[in-house]
Amino acid sequence: MEKGDLILTPPGLWHEHGHEGRGPVIWLDALDLPLTYGIDASYCIEGKSQAVDQAQGKCNAEFRQGGVIPYRSLDSSSTRYPLLRFPWREVRQSLLALTGVTAKAELVHLAYVNPETGRECLPTLGFSAIMLRPGEETRLRKRSASAVIHGVEGVGIATIDHVAHAFGEADTIAVPTHAEVMLSNASGKEAACLFMVDDAPLHRKLGIYEVFD
């Protein structure tokens, strides 16, 4: 993984962490553990270290471009999670492309989805990326879902329920349910990029998701 990448660790799948470099690696874990603990469904089984049996980047090579997938995916019941790594460098390119066709009054906002279904990557958590154009200030729609916003590039201010919080690269901000959120890019020259994780998919499945104007 590289800076800004989204890596999925879906439920019921083996996973482990490793680091082959010399400097420290820091990443943000977004978990649905409160829900899992609440329904008493959390457990783990210790296993042996995994042997790599696929070429590095295989899922990205197969599902690199939106709108096209390997043909065999149409004829087989493949994994529920065909794409596990979403490279930031490609997501950023998509944000830039979307910026070019998005009205100034509209938010540049991309959703991470399962390429075979077009739906959210995970059943309980949703992931998305936001690009604030230089000097842009925008209001997010008030929602029933909670969220966490993480700074990937640039600097700005997130005003949450009338309290201003300055953010920069690698800063993380919690957004409570039903909060009023205003995002501002503090730079007049450079874009600011944000990663957001929320529990909207769970709300939708439970029938309690709401968006307010």
N, C-alpha and C. Protein backbone atom coordinates (compact mmCIF):
# COMPACT_ATOMS: atom_id res chain seq x y z
N MET A 1 0.83 -1.19 0.00
CA MET A 1 0.00 0.00 0.00
C MET A 1 0.87 1.25 0.00
N GLU A 2 0.32 2.33 -0.53
CA GLU A 2 1.01 3.61 -0.60
C GLU A 2 0.14 4.67 0.05
N LYS A 3 0.70 5.85 0.24
CA LYS A 3 -0.02 6.95 0.87
C LYS A 3 -1.37 7.18 0.21
N GLY A 4 -2.43 7.24 1.01
CA GLY A 4 -3.76 7.54 0.51
C GLY A 4 -4.54 6.34 0.01
N ASP A 5 -3.92 5.17 -0.08
CA ASP A 5 -4.63 3.98 -0.59
C ASP A 5 -5.70 3.52 0.40
N LEU A 6 -6.78 2.99 -0.14
CA LEU A 6 -7.79 2.30 0.66
C LEU A 6 -7.56 0.81 0.53
N ILE A 7 -7.39 0.13 1.65
CA ILE A 7 -7.21 -1.33 1.67
C ILE A 7 -8.36 -1.92 2.47
N LEU A 8 -9.11 -2.85 1.88
CA LEU A 8 -10.23 -3.48 2.57
C LEU A 8 -9.76 -4.72 3.33
N THR A 9 -10.26 -4.91 4.53
CA THR A 9 -10.08 -6.17 5.27
C THR A 9 -11.48 -6.65 5.63
N PRO A 10 -12.18 -7.27 4.68
CA PRO A 10 -13.58 -7.66 4.90
C PRO A 10 -13.73 -8.70 6.00
N PRO A 11 -14.94 -8.81 6.57
CA PRO A 11 -15.18 -9.80 7.63
C PRO A 11 -15.06 -11.22 7.10
N GLY A 12 -14.53 -12.09 7.94
CA GLY A 12 -14.44 -13.50 7.57
C GLY A 12 -13.25 -13.87 6.72
N LEU A 13 -12.37 -12.91 6.43
CA LEU A 13 -11.19 -13.20 5.60
C LEU A 13 -9.92 -13.08 6.44
N TRP A 14 -8.98 -13.97 6.18
CA TRP A 14 -7.70 -13.89 6.85
C TRP A 14 -6.99 -12.61 6.43
N HIS A 15 -6.31 -11.97 7.37
CA HIS A 15 -5.46 -10.85 7.01
C HIS A 15 -4.34 -10.71 8.03
N GLU A 16 -3.27 -10.13 7.58
CA GLU A 16 -2.13 -9.86 8.46
C GLU A 16 -1.44 -8.60 7.96
N HIS A 17 -0.61 -8.02 8.83
CA HIS A 17 0.09 -6.79 8.49
C HIS A 17 1.59 -7.06 8.46
N GLY A 18 2.26 -6.45 7.51
CA GLY A 18 3.70 -6.59 7.42
C GLY A 18 4.33 -5.31 6.89
N HIS A 19 5.60 -5.12 7.20
CA HIS A 19 6.31 -3.93 6.76
C HIS A 19 7.74 -4.32 6.42
N GLU A 20 8.14 -4.11 5.17
CA GLU A 20 9.47 -4.51 4.73
C GLU A 20 10.43 -3.34 4.61
N GLY A 21 9.95 -2.11 4.90
CA GLY A 21 10.82 -0.94 4.78
C GLY A 21 11.55 -0.63 6.07
N ARG A 22 12.18 0.53 6.11
CA ARG A 22 12.97 0.94 7.28
C ARG A 22 12.26 2.00 8.11
N GLY A 23 11.54 2.89 7.47
CA GLY A 23 10.85 3.94 8.20
C GLY A 23 9.51 3.45 8.74
N PRO A 24 8.88 4.24 9.61
CA PRO A 24 7.59 3.82 10.17
C PRO A 24 6.47 3.89 9.14
N VAL A 25 5.48 3.04 9.32
CA VAL A 25 4.26 3.06 8.51
C VAL A 25 3.09 3.33 9.45
N ILE A 26 2.27 4.30 9.10
CA ILE A 26 1.11 4.66 9.91
C ILE A 26 -0.12 4.64 9.02
N TRP A 27 -1.17 3.97 9.46
CA TRP A 27 -2.41 4.01 8.68
C TRP A 27 -3.60 4.16 9.61
N LEU A 28 -4.72 4.54 9.02
CA LEU A 28 -5.95 4.77 9.77
C LEU A 28 -6.86 3.56 9.62
N ASP A 29 -7.19 2.92 10.74
CA ASP A 29 -8.13 1.80 10.73
C ASP A 29 -9.55 2.34 10.95
N ALA A 30 -10.47 1.99 10.06
CA ALA A 30 -11.88 2.34 10.23
C ALA A 30 -12.64 1.04 10.44
N LEU A 31 -13.21 0.87 11.64
CA LEU A 31 -13.80 -0.41 12.02
C LEU A 31 -15.27 -0.26 12.40
N ASP A 32 -16.00 -1.36 12.23
CA ASP A 32 -17.40 -1.39 12.68
C ASP A 32 -17.51 -2.21 13.98
N LEU A 33 -16.46 -2.16 14.80
CA LEU A 33 -16.43 -2.99 16.00
C LEU A 33 -17.55 -2.69 17.00
N PRO A 34 -17.96 -1.44 17.20
CA PRO A 34 -19.06 -1.22 18.14
C PRO A 34 -20.31 -2.02 17.78
N LEU A 35 -20.64 -2.07 16.49
CA LEU A 35 -21.77 -2.88 16.05
C LEU A 35 -21.50 -4.36 16.26
N THR A 36 -20.31 -4.82 15.84
CA THR A 36 -19.98 -6.24 15.95
C THR A 36 -19.95 -6.70 17.39
N TYR A 37 -19.40 -5.87 18.28
CA TYR A 37 -19.41 -6.20 19.71
C TYR A 37 -20.84 -6.21 20.24
N GLY A 38 -21.64 -5.24 19.78
CA GLY A 38 -23.00 -5.12 20.29
C GLY A 38 -23.88 -6.32 19.99
N ILE A 39 -23.63 -6.98 18.86
CA ILE A 39 -24.42 -8.16 18.50
C ILE A 39 -23.65 -9.45 18.82
N ASP A 40 -22.56 -9.31 19.57
CA ASP A 40 -21.78 -10.45 20.06
C ASP A 40 -21.31 -11.34 18.91
N ALA A 41 -20.81 -10.71 17.84
CA ALA A 41 -20.38 -11.47 16.66
C ALA A 41 -18.88 -11.39 16.42
N SER A 42 -18.13 -10.86 17.39
CA SER A 42 -16.70 -10.68 17.18
C SER A 42 -15.91 -11.89 17.67
N TYR A 43 -15.02 -12.38 16.84
CA TYR A 43 -14.09 -13.43 17.25
C TYR A 43 -12.92 -13.43 16.27
N CYS A 44 -11.85 -14.07 16.64
CA CYS A 44 -10.72 -14.21 15.72
C CYS A 44 -10.07 -15.56 15.95
N ILE A 45 -9.44 -16.06 14.91
CA ILE A 45 -8.72 -17.32 14.97
C ILE A 45 -7.29 -17.06 14.52
N GLU A 46 -6.34 -17.38 15.35
CA GLU A 46 -4.94 -17.20 14.97
C GLU A 46 -4.56 -18.20 13.89
N GLY A 47 -3.82 -17.74 12.91
CA GLY A 47 -3.40 -18.62 11.82
C GLY A 47 -1.94 -18.43 11.48
N LYS A 48 -1.46 -19.29 10.61
CA LYS A 48 -0.07 -19.20 10.17
C LYS A 48 0.08 -18.01 9.22
N SER A 49 1.30 -17.54 9.10
CA SER A 49 1.58 -16.45 8.17
C SER A 49 1.21 -16.88 6.76
N GLN A 50 0.60 -15.98 6.00
CA GLN A 50 0.09 -16.33 4.68
C GLN A 50 1.21 -16.36 3.65
N ALA A 51 1.13 -17.32 2.75
CA ALA A 51 2.02 -17.38 1.59
C ALA A 51 1.33 -16.67 0.44
N VAL A 52 2.04 -15.76 -0.20
CA VAL A 52 1.46 -15.02 -1.32
C VAL A 52 1.32 -15.96 -2.52
N ASP A 53 0.07 -16.10 -3.01
CA ASP A 53 -0.15 -17.02 -4.13
C ASP A 53 -0.71 -16.31 -5.36
N GLN A 54 -0.75 -14.97 -5.33
CA GLN A 54 -1.18 -14.20 -6.48
C GLN A 54 -0.18 -13.10 -6.76
N ALA A 55 -0.09 -12.71 -8.01
CA ALA A 55 0.83 -11.65 -8.38
C ALA A 55 0.41 -10.34 -7.72
N GLN A 56 1.39 -9.59 -7.28
CA GLN A 56 1.09 -8.31 -6.64
C GLN A 56 0.35 -7.39 -7.61
N GLY A 57 -0.73 -6.79 -7.14
CA GLY A 57 -1.50 -5.88 -7.98
C GLY A 57 -2.49 -6.57 -8.90
N LYS A 58 -2.75 -7.87 -8.69
CA LYS A 58 -3.63 -8.61 -9.59
C LYS A 58 -5.04 -8.00 -9.64
N CYS A 59 -5.62 -7.70 -8.47
CA CYS A 59 -6.98 -7.18 -8.49
C CYS A 59 -7.04 -5.79 -9.12
N ASN A 60 -5.97 -5.00 -8.97
CA ASN A 60 -5.96 -3.69 -9.59
C ASN A 60 -5.82 -3.78 -11.11
N ALA A 61 -5.07 -4.77 -11.58
CA ALA A 61 -4.95 -4.95 -13.02
C ALA A 61 -6.28 -5.38 -13.64
N GLU A 62 -7.04 -6.20 -12.89
CA GLU A 62 -8.30 -6.70 -13.42
C GLU A 62 -9.43 -5.67 -13.35
N PHE A 63 -9.40 -4.82 -12.34
CA PHE A 63 -10.50 -3.87 -12.13
C PHE A 63 -9.99 -2.43 -12.11
N ARG A 64 -9.00 -2.12 -12.95
CA ARG A 64 -8.35 -0.82 -12.93
C ARG A 64 -9.27 0.29 -13.41
N GLN A 65 -10.05 0.05 -14.44
CA GLN A 65 -10.84 1.11 -15.06
C GLN A 65 -12.32 0.93 -14.77
N GLY A 66 -12.97 1.99 -14.33
CA GLY A 66 -14.40 1.93 -14.08
C GLY A 66 -15.18 1.65 -15.35
N GLY A 67 -16.22 0.84 -15.23
CA GLY A 67 -17.05 0.54 -16.39
C GLY A 67 -16.66 -0.71 -17.14
N VAL A 68 -15.50 -1.29 -16.84
CA VAL A 68 -15.08 -2.54 -17.49
C VAL A 68 -14.58 -3.50 -16.42
N ILE A 69 -14.92 -4.79 -16.58
CA ILE A 69 -14.49 -5.82 -15.65
C ILE A 69 -14.09 -7.06 -16.45
N PRO A 70 -13.30 -7.98 -15.87
CA PRO A 70 -12.97 -9.21 -16.58
C PRO A 70 -14.25 -9.94 -17.01
N TYR A 71 -14.28 -10.44 -18.24
CA TYR A 71 -15.50 -11.04 -18.77
C TYR A 71 -15.96 -12.23 -17.94
N ARG A 72 -15.02 -12.97 -17.38
CA ARG A 72 -15.39 -14.14 -16.60
C ARG A 72 -16.24 -13.78 -15.39
N SER A 73 -16.16 -12.53 -14.94
CA SER A 73 -16.96 -12.11 -13.80
C SER A 73 -18.45 -12.19 -14.11
N LEU A 74 -18.82 -12.13 -15.39
CA LEU A 74 -20.23 -12.22 -15.77
C LEU A 74 -20.76 -13.64 -15.68
N ASP A 75 -19.86 -14.62 -15.77
CA ASP A 75 -20.29 -16.01 -15.85
C ASP A 75 -19.98 -16.83 -14.60
N SER A 76 -19.39 -16.22 -13.60
CA SER A 76 -19.01 -17.00 -12.42
C SER A 76 -19.40 -16.26 -11.16
N SER A 77 -19.54 -17.01 -10.10
CA SER A 77 -19.82 -16.40 -8.80
C SER A 77 -18.49 -16.12 -8.13
N SER A 78 -17.94 -14.95 -8.40
CA SER A 78 -16.62 -14.62 -7.88
C SER A 78 -16.73 -14.15 -6.43
N THR A 79 -15.61 -13.78 -5.88
CA THR A 79 -15.57 -13.33 -4.49
C THR A 79 -16.48 -12.13 -4.28
N ARG A 80 -16.98 -11.99 -3.07
CA ARG A 80 -17.81 -10.83 -2.75
C ARG A 80 -16.98 -9.55 -2.73
N TYR A 81 -15.66 -9.70 -2.66
CA TYR A 81 -14.78 -8.54 -2.57
C TYR A 81 -13.70 -8.65 -3.64
N PRO A 82 -14.04 -8.42 -4.90
CA PRO A 82 -13.07 -8.62 -5.98
C PRO A 82 -11.92 -7.63 -5.96
N LEU A 83 -12.15 -6.43 -5.42
CA LEU A 83 -11.11 -5.40 -5.39
C LEU A 83 -10.84 -5.02 -3.94
N LEU A 84 -9.62 -5.23 -3.50
CA LEU A 84 -9.27 -4.99 -2.11
C LEU A 84 -8.38 -3.75 -1.92
N ARG A 85 -7.72 -3.31 -2.98
CA ARG A 85 -6.86 -2.13 -2.89
C ARG A 85 -7.31 -1.09 -3.91
N PHE A 86 -7.55 0.11 -3.42
CA PHE A 86 -7.94 1.23 -4.27
C PHE A 86 -6.79 2.25 -4.23
N PRO A 87 -5.90 2.27 -5.24
CA PRO A 87 -4.74 3.15 -5.20
C PRO A 87 -5.14 4.63 -5.22
N TRP A 88 -4.57 5.40 -4.32
CA TRP A 88 -4.89 6.82 -4.24
C TRP A 88 -4.51 7.55 -5.52
N ARG A 89 -3.40 7.18 -6.13
CA ARG A 89 -2.95 7.90 -7.33
C ARG A 89 -4.01 7.84 -8.43
N GLU A 90 -4.73 6.73 -8.53
CA GLU A 90 -5.77 6.59 -9.54
C GLU A 90 -7.06 7.30 -9.11
N VAL A 91 -7.37 7.23 -7.81
CA VAL A 91 -8.54 7.95 -7.31
C VAL A 91 -8.34 9.46 -7.49
N ARG A 92 -7.14 9.94 -7.26
CA ARG A 92 -6.86 11.36 -7.43
C ARG A 92 -7.05 11.78 -8.89
N GLN A 93 -6.60 10.95 -9.81
CA GLN A 93 -6.80 11.25 -11.24
C GLN A 93 -8.28 11.33 -11.57
N SER A 94 -9.08 10.45 -10.98
CA SER A 94 -10.52 10.47 -11.20
C SER A 94 -11.15 11.73 -10.62
N LEU A 95 -10.66 12.16 -9.46
CA LEU A 95 -11.15 13.41 -8.86
C LEU A 95 -10.85 14.60 -9.77
N LEU A 96 -9.63 14.64 -10.30
CA LEU A 96 -9.26 15.73 -11.20
C LEU A 96 -10.14 15.73 -12.44
N ALA A 97 -10.39 14.55 -13.00
CA ALA A 97 -11.24 14.46 -14.18
C ALA A 97 -12.66 14.91 -13.88
N LEU A 98 -13.16 14.52 -12.71
CA LEU A 98 -14.51 14.92 -12.31
C LEU A 98 -14.59 16.42 -12.08
N THR A 99 -13.51 16.99 -11.55
CA THR A 99 -13.49 18.44 -11.32
C THR A 99 -13.72 19.21 -12.62
N GLY A 100 -13.18 18.68 -13.70
CA GLY A 100 -13.30 19.37 -14.98
C GLY A 100 -14.71 19.42 -15.54
N VAL A 101 -15.61 18.57 -15.04
CA VAL A 101 -16.98 18.53 -15.57
C VAL A 101 -18.01 18.79 -14.48
N THR A 102 -17.55 19.29 -13.33
CA THR A 102 -18.45 19.54 -12.21
C THR A 102 -18.66 21.04 -12.03
N ALA A 103 -19.90 21.45 -11.91
CA ALA A 103 -20.22 22.86 -11.71
C ALA A 103 -19.60 23.37 -10.42
N LYS A 104 -19.27 24.67 -10.38
CA LYS A 104 -18.61 25.24 -9.20
C LYS A 104 -19.45 25.11 -7.95
N ALA A 105 -20.76 25.09 -8.10
CA ALA A 105 -21.64 25.00 -6.93
C ALA A 105 -21.82 23.56 -6.45
N GLU A 106 -21.25 22.60 -7.17
CA GLU A 106 -21.43 21.19 -6.84
C GLU A 106 -20.15 20.61 -6.26
N LEU A 107 -20.30 19.73 -5.27
CA LEU A 107 -19.15 19.11 -4.62
C LEU A 107 -18.52 18.05 -5.51
N VAL A 108 -17.19 18.04 -5.57
CA VAL A 108 -16.46 16.99 -6.29
C VAL A 108 -16.28 15.82 -5.32
N HIS A 109 -17.07 14.78 -5.49
CA HIS A 109 -17.17 13.72 -4.49
C HIS A 109 -17.30 12.37 -5.21
N LEU A 110 -16.40 11.45 -4.92
CA LEU A 110 -16.41 10.11 -5.52
C LEU A 110 -16.66 9.04 -4.47
N ALA A 111 -17.41 8.01 -4.84
CA ALA A 111 -17.67 6.88 -3.95
C ALA A 111 -16.80 5.69 -4.37
N TYR A 112 -16.25 4.99 -3.38
CA TYR A 112 -15.56 3.72 -3.63
C TYR A 112 -16.62 2.62 -3.65
N VAL A 113 -16.63 1.81 -4.72
CA VAL A 113 -17.66 0.78 -4.84
C VAL A 113 -17.05 -0.57 -5.25
N ASN A 114 -17.83 -1.61 -5.05
CA ASN A 114 -17.51 -2.94 -5.57
C ASN A 114 -17.67 -2.89 -7.09
N PRO A 115 -16.62 -3.15 -7.86
CA PRO A 115 -16.71 -3.00 -9.32
C PRO A 115 -17.65 -3.99 -10.00
N GLU A 116 -17.99 -5.08 -9.33
CA GLU A 116 -18.90 -6.05 -9.93
C GLU A 116 -20.36 -5.75 -9.64
N THR A 117 -20.63 -5.03 -8.57
CA THR A 117 -22.02 -4.76 -8.20
C THR A 117 -22.39 -3.28 -8.29
N GLY A 118 -21.40 -2.40 -8.23
CA GLY A 118 -21.66 -0.98 -8.21
C GLY A 118 -22.14 -0.47 -6.88
N ARG A 119 -22.20 -1.33 -5.89
CA ARG A 119 -22.65 -0.96 -4.55
C ARG A 119 -21.44 -0.72 -3.63
N GLU A 120 -21.71 -0.38 -2.37
CA GLU A 120 -20.63 -0.10 -1.42
C GLU A 120 -19.67 -1.28 -1.30
N CYS A 121 -18.42 -0.96 -0.95
CA CYS A 121 -17.39 -1.99 -0.83
C CYS A 121 -17.68 -2.97 0.29
N LEU A 122 -18.17 -2.46 1.42
CA LEU A 122 -18.44 -3.27 2.59
C LEU A 122 -19.90 -3.10 3.01
N PRO A 123 -20.49 -4.08 3.67
CA PRO A 123 -21.91 -4.01 4.01
C PRO A 123 -22.25 -2.97 5.07
N THR A 124 -21.28 -2.57 5.89
CA THR A 124 -21.59 -1.65 6.99
C THR A 124 -20.92 -0.29 6.86
N LEU A 125 -19.84 -0.18 6.09
CA LEU A 125 -19.08 1.05 5.99
C LEU A 125 -18.99 1.54 4.55
N GLY A 126 -19.09 2.86 4.38
CA GLY A 126 -18.95 3.46 3.06
C GLY A 126 -17.69 4.31 3.01
N PHE A 127 -17.07 4.37 1.82
CA PHE A 127 -15.84 5.13 1.65
C PHE A 127 -15.99 6.07 0.46
N SER A 128 -15.43 7.26 0.59
CA SER A 128 -15.51 8.22 -0.51
C SER A 128 -14.34 9.18 -0.44
N ALA A 129 -14.13 9.93 -1.53
CA ALA A 129 -13.04 10.90 -1.62
C ALA A 129 -13.62 12.23 -2.09
N ILE A 130 -13.11 13.30 -1.51
CA ILE A 130 -13.58 14.65 -1.81
C ILE A 130 -12.39 15.50 -2.24
N MET A 131 -12.58 16.31 -3.29
CA MET A 131 -11.57 17.29 -3.68
C MET A 131 -12.18 18.68 -3.57
N LEU A 132 -11.57 19.51 -2.73
CA LEU A 132 -11.97 20.91 -2.61
C LEU A 132 -11.07 21.74 -3.52
N ARG A 133 -11.66 22.41 -4.46
CA ARG A 133 -10.89 23.25 -5.37
C ARG A 133 -10.29 24.44 -4.62
N PRO A 134 -9.23 25.07 -5.15
CA PRO A 134 -8.59 26.18 -4.45
C PRO A 134 -9.61 27.24 -4.02
N GLY A 135 -9.56 27.57 -2.72
CA GLY A 135 -10.45 28.58 -2.18
C GLY A 135 -11.90 28.16 -2.02
N GLU A 136 -12.23 26.91 -2.32
CA GLU A 136 -13.63 26.47 -2.30
C GLU A 136 -14.14 26.31 -0.87
N GLU A 137 -15.38 26.68 -0.67
CA GLU A 137 -16.09 26.44 0.59
C GLU A 137 -17.42 25.78 0.25
N THR A 138 -17.73 24.68 0.90
CA THR A 138 -18.95 23.95 0.57
C THR A 138 -19.60 23.37 1.82
N ARG A 139 -20.90 23.26 1.78
CA ARG A 139 -21.65 22.68 2.90
C ARG A 139 -22.05 21.26 2.54
N LEU A 140 -21.74 20.32 3.41
CA LEU A 140 -22.19 18.95 3.22
C LEU A 140 -23.65 18.85 3.67
N ARG A 141 -24.40 18.00 3.02
CA ARG A 141 -25.79 17.80 3.42
C ARG A 141 -25.83 17.08 4.77
N LYS A 142 -26.72 17.54 5.64
CA LYS A 142 -26.86 16.92 6.95
C LYS A 142 -27.43 15.52 6.78
N ARG A 143 -26.84 14.54 7.47
CA ARG A 143 -27.25 13.14 7.30
C ARG A 143 -27.42 12.46 8.66
N SER A 144 -28.14 11.36 8.64
CA SER A 144 -28.29 10.56 9.85
C SER A 144 -27.02 9.77 10.16
N ALA A 145 -26.16 9.57 9.17
CA ALA A 145 -24.95 8.76 9.34
C ALA A 145 -23.83 9.58 9.98
N SER A 146 -23.01 8.91 10.76
CA SER A 146 -21.80 9.52 11.28
C SER A 146 -20.67 9.30 10.29
N ALA A 147 -19.57 10.04 10.45
CA ALA A 147 -18.47 9.93 9.50
C ALA A 147 -17.16 10.30 10.17
N VAL A 148 -16.07 9.91 9.51
CA VAL A 148 -14.73 10.34 9.88
C VAL A 148 -14.08 10.88 8.61
N ILE A 149 -13.50 12.07 8.70
CA ILE A 149 -12.84 12.71 7.57
C ILE A 149 -11.34 12.74 7.83
N HIS A 150 -10.57 12.34 6.83
CA HIS A 150 -9.11 12.25 6.97
C HIS A 150 -8.45 13.08 5.87
N GLY A 151 -7.51 13.93 6.27
CA GLY A 151 -6.82 14.76 5.29
C GLY A 151 -5.75 13.99 4.55
N VAL A 152 -5.83 14.00 3.22
CA VAL A 152 -4.81 13.33 2.40
C VAL A 152 -3.85 14.35 1.80
N GLU A 153 -4.40 15.46 1.31
CA GLU A 153 -3.56 16.53 0.74
C GLU A 153 -4.17 17.88 1.08
N GLY A 154 -3.31 18.89 1.22
CA GLY A 154 -3.79 20.25 1.38
C GLY A 154 -4.16 20.62 2.81
N VAL A 155 -4.66 21.85 2.94
CA VAL A 155 -5.05 22.38 4.25
C VAL A 155 -6.41 23.03 4.14
N GLY A 156 -7.12 23.08 5.26
CA GLY A 156 -8.43 23.70 5.24
C GLY A 156 -9.04 23.78 6.61
N ILE A 157 -10.34 24.07 6.63
CA ILE A 157 -11.08 24.18 7.88
C ILE A 157 -12.38 23.40 7.74
N ALA A 158 -12.66 22.55 8.71
CA ALA A 158 -13.93 21.84 8.79
C ALA A 158 -14.71 22.44 9.96
N THR A 159 -15.83 23.07 9.65
CA THR A 159 -16.68 23.65 10.68
C THR A 159 -17.82 22.69 10.95
N ILE A 160 -17.84 22.11 12.15
CA ILE A 160 -18.81 21.08 12.51
C ILE A 160 -19.67 21.60 13.65
N ASP A 161 -20.96 21.72 13.38
CA ASP A 161 -21.89 22.29 14.37
C ASP A 161 -21.34 23.60 14.93
N HIS A 162 -20.89 24.46 14.00
CA HIS A 162 -20.45 25.83 14.30
C HIS A 162 -19.14 25.91 15.07
N VAL A 163 -18.39 24.82 15.12
CA VAL A 163 -17.06 24.83 15.73
C VAL A 163 -16.03 24.56 14.64
N ALA A 164 -15.06 25.46 14.46
CA ALA A 164 -14.08 25.35 13.39
C ALA A 164 -12.90 24.48 13.82
N HIS A 165 -12.49 23.58 12.91
CA HIS A 165 -11.34 22.71 13.16
C HIS A 165 -10.42 22.81 11.94
N ALA A 166 -9.22 23.33 12.14
CA ALA A 166 -8.25 23.38 11.06
C ALA A 166 -7.72 21.97 10.79
N PHE A 167 -7.52 21.64 9.52
CA PHE A 167 -6.98 20.33 9.19
C PHE A 167 -5.87 20.46 8.16
N GLY A 168 -4.97 19.50 8.21
CA GLY A 168 -3.90 19.39 7.24
C GLY A 168 -3.70 17.94 6.87
N GLU A 169 -2.62 17.66 6.23
CA GLU A 169 -2.33 16.29 5.80
C GLU A 169 -2.24 15.36 7.01
N ALA A 170 -2.96 14.24 6.96
CA ALA A 170 -2.98 13.18 7.97
C ALA A 170 -3.81 13.52 9.20
N ASP A 171 -4.45 14.69 9.24
CA ASP A 171 -5.36 14.98 10.34
C ASP A 171 -6.67 14.23 10.16
N THR A 172 -7.31 13.88 11.28
CA THR A 172 -8.55 13.12 11.26
C THR A 172 -9.60 13.82 12.10
N ILE A 173 -10.80 13.95 11.56
CA ILE A 173 -11.88 14.68 12.21
C ILE A 173 -13.12 13.80 12.26
N ALA A 174 -13.77 13.72 13.43
CA ALA A 174 -15.00 12.96 13.60
C ALA A 174 -16.20 13.85 13.32
N VAL A 175 -17.18 13.30 12.61
CA VAL A 175 -18.42 14.02 12.29
C VAL A 175 -19.59 13.25 12.90
N PRO A 176 -20.22 13.77 13.94
CA PRO A 176 -21.34 13.06 14.57
C PRO A 176 -22.56 13.01 13.65
N THR A 177 -23.50 12.17 14.01
CA THR A 177 -24.76 12.10 13.27
C THR A 177 -25.48 13.44 13.32
N HIS A 178 -26.20 13.76 12.25
CA HIS A 178 -27.01 14.98 12.14
C HIS A 178 -26.21 16.26 12.31
N ALA A 179 -24.91 16.21 12.10
CA ALA A 179 -24.08 17.40 12.27
C ALA A 179 -24.16 18.30 11.04
N GLU A 180 -24.03 19.60 11.28
CA GLU A 180 -23.90 20.56 10.19
C GLU A 180 -22.41 20.71 9.89
N VAL A 181 -22.04 20.50 8.62
CA VAL A 181 -20.62 20.45 8.24
C VAL A 181 -20.35 21.42 7.09
N MET A 182 -19.37 22.28 7.29
CA MET A 182 -18.89 23.18 6.24
C MET A 182 -17.41 22.90 6.03
N LEU A 183 -17.02 22.64 4.78
CA LEU A 183 -15.62 22.38 4.46
C LEU A 183 -15.06 23.54 3.65
N SER A 184 -13.86 24.01 4.03
CA SER A 184 -13.23 25.13 3.35
C SER A 184 -11.78 24.80 3.02
N ASN A 185 -11.38 25.08 1.79
CA ASN A 185 -9.99 24.93 1.40
C ASN A 185 -9.27 26.23 1.74
N ALA A 186 -8.26 26.16 2.60
CA ALA A 186 -7.56 27.36 3.05
C ALA A 186 -6.57 27.89 2.02
N SER A 187 -6.32 27.12 0.97
CA SER A 187 -5.37 27.54 -0.06
C SER A 187 -6.11 28.09 -1.28
N GLY A 188 -5.61 29.16 -1.81
CA GLY A 188 -6.18 29.71 -3.03
C GLY A 188 -5.49 29.21 -4.28
N LYS A 189 -4.48 28.33 -4.11
CA LYS A 189 -3.72 27.84 -5.26
C LYS A 189 -3.77 26.33 -5.43
N GLU A 190 -3.84 25.59 -4.31
CA GLU A 190 -3.78 24.13 -4.37
C GLU A 190 -5.09 23.51 -3.92
N ALA A 191 -5.42 22.36 -4.50
CA ALA A 191 -6.61 21.62 -4.09
C ALA A 191 -6.37 20.94 -2.75
N ALA A 192 -7.43 20.68 -2.04
CA ALA A 192 -7.36 19.90 -0.81
C ALA A 192 -8.15 18.61 -1.02
N CYS A 193 -7.57 17.48 -0.64
CA CYS A 193 -8.21 16.18 -0.86
C CYS A 193 -8.49 15.52 0.49
N LEU A 194 -9.69 15.00 0.62
CA LEU A 194 -10.13 14.37 1.85
C LEU A 194 -10.65 12.97 1.58
N PHE A 195 -10.40 12.08 2.52
CA PHE A 195 -10.97 10.72 2.49
C PHE A 195 -12.03 10.66 3.57
N MET A 196 -13.18 10.06 3.25
CA MET A 196 -14.26 9.98 4.24
C MET A 196 -14.77 8.55 4.36
N VAL A 197 -14.98 8.11 5.59
CA VAL A 197 -15.61 6.82 5.87
C VAL A 197 -16.84 7.08 6.71
N ASP A 198 -17.95 6.41 6.40
CA ASP A 198 -19.19 6.62 7.15
C ASP A 198 -19.94 5.31 7.32
N ASP A 199 -21.01 5.35 8.12
CA ASP A 199 -21.81 4.15 8.34
C ASP A 199 -23.15 4.23 7.59
N ALA A 200 -23.17 4.99 6.49
CA ALA A 200 -24.39 5.10 5.68
C ALA A 200 -24.87 3.76 5.13
N PRO A 201 -23.98 2.86 4.67
CA PRO A 201 -24.46 1.57 4.17
C PRO A 201 -25.28 0.80 5.21
N LEU A 202 -24.84 0.83 6.46
CA LEU A 202 -25.59 0.15 7.52
C LEU A 202 -26.95 0.83 7.72
N HIS A 203 -26.96 2.15 7.74
CA HIS A 203 -28.22 2.88 7.91
C HIS A 203 -29.20 2.54 6.79
N ARG A 204 -28.69 2.45 5.56
CA ARG A 204 -29.57 2.13 4.43
C ARG A 204 -30.19 0.74 4.59
N LYS A 205 -29.39 -0.21 5.02
CA LYS A 205 -29.89 -1.57 5.19
C LYS A 205 -30.92 -1.67 6.32
N LEU A 206 -30.76 -0.85 7.33
CA LEU A 206 -31.69 -0.86 8.46
C LEU A 206 -32.92 0.00 8.20
N GLY A 207 -32.89 0.76 7.08
CA GLY A 207 -34.03 1.59 6.75
C GLY A 207 -34.13 2.85 7.58
N ILE A 208 -33.01 3.33 8.13
CA ILE A 208 -33.04 4.53 8.97
C ILE A 208 -32.21 5.67 8.38
N TYR A 209 -31.70 5.50 7.17
CA TYR A 209 -30.85 6.53 6.57
C TYR A 209 -31.70 7.72 6.13
N GLU A 210 -31.24 8.92 6.50
CA GLU A 210 -31.93 10.15 6.12
C GLU A 210 -30.93 11.21 5.69
N VAL A 211 -31.33 12.01 4.73
CA VAL A 211 -30.55 13.18 4.30
C VAL A 211 -31.46 14.39 4.43
N PHE A 212 -30.94 15.46 5.02
CA PHE A 212 -31.73 16.66 5.26
C PHE A 212 -31.17 17.84 4.48
N ASP A 213 -32.03 18.67 3.94
CA ASP A 213 -31.60 19.85 3.20
C ASP A 213 -31.26 20.98 4.16
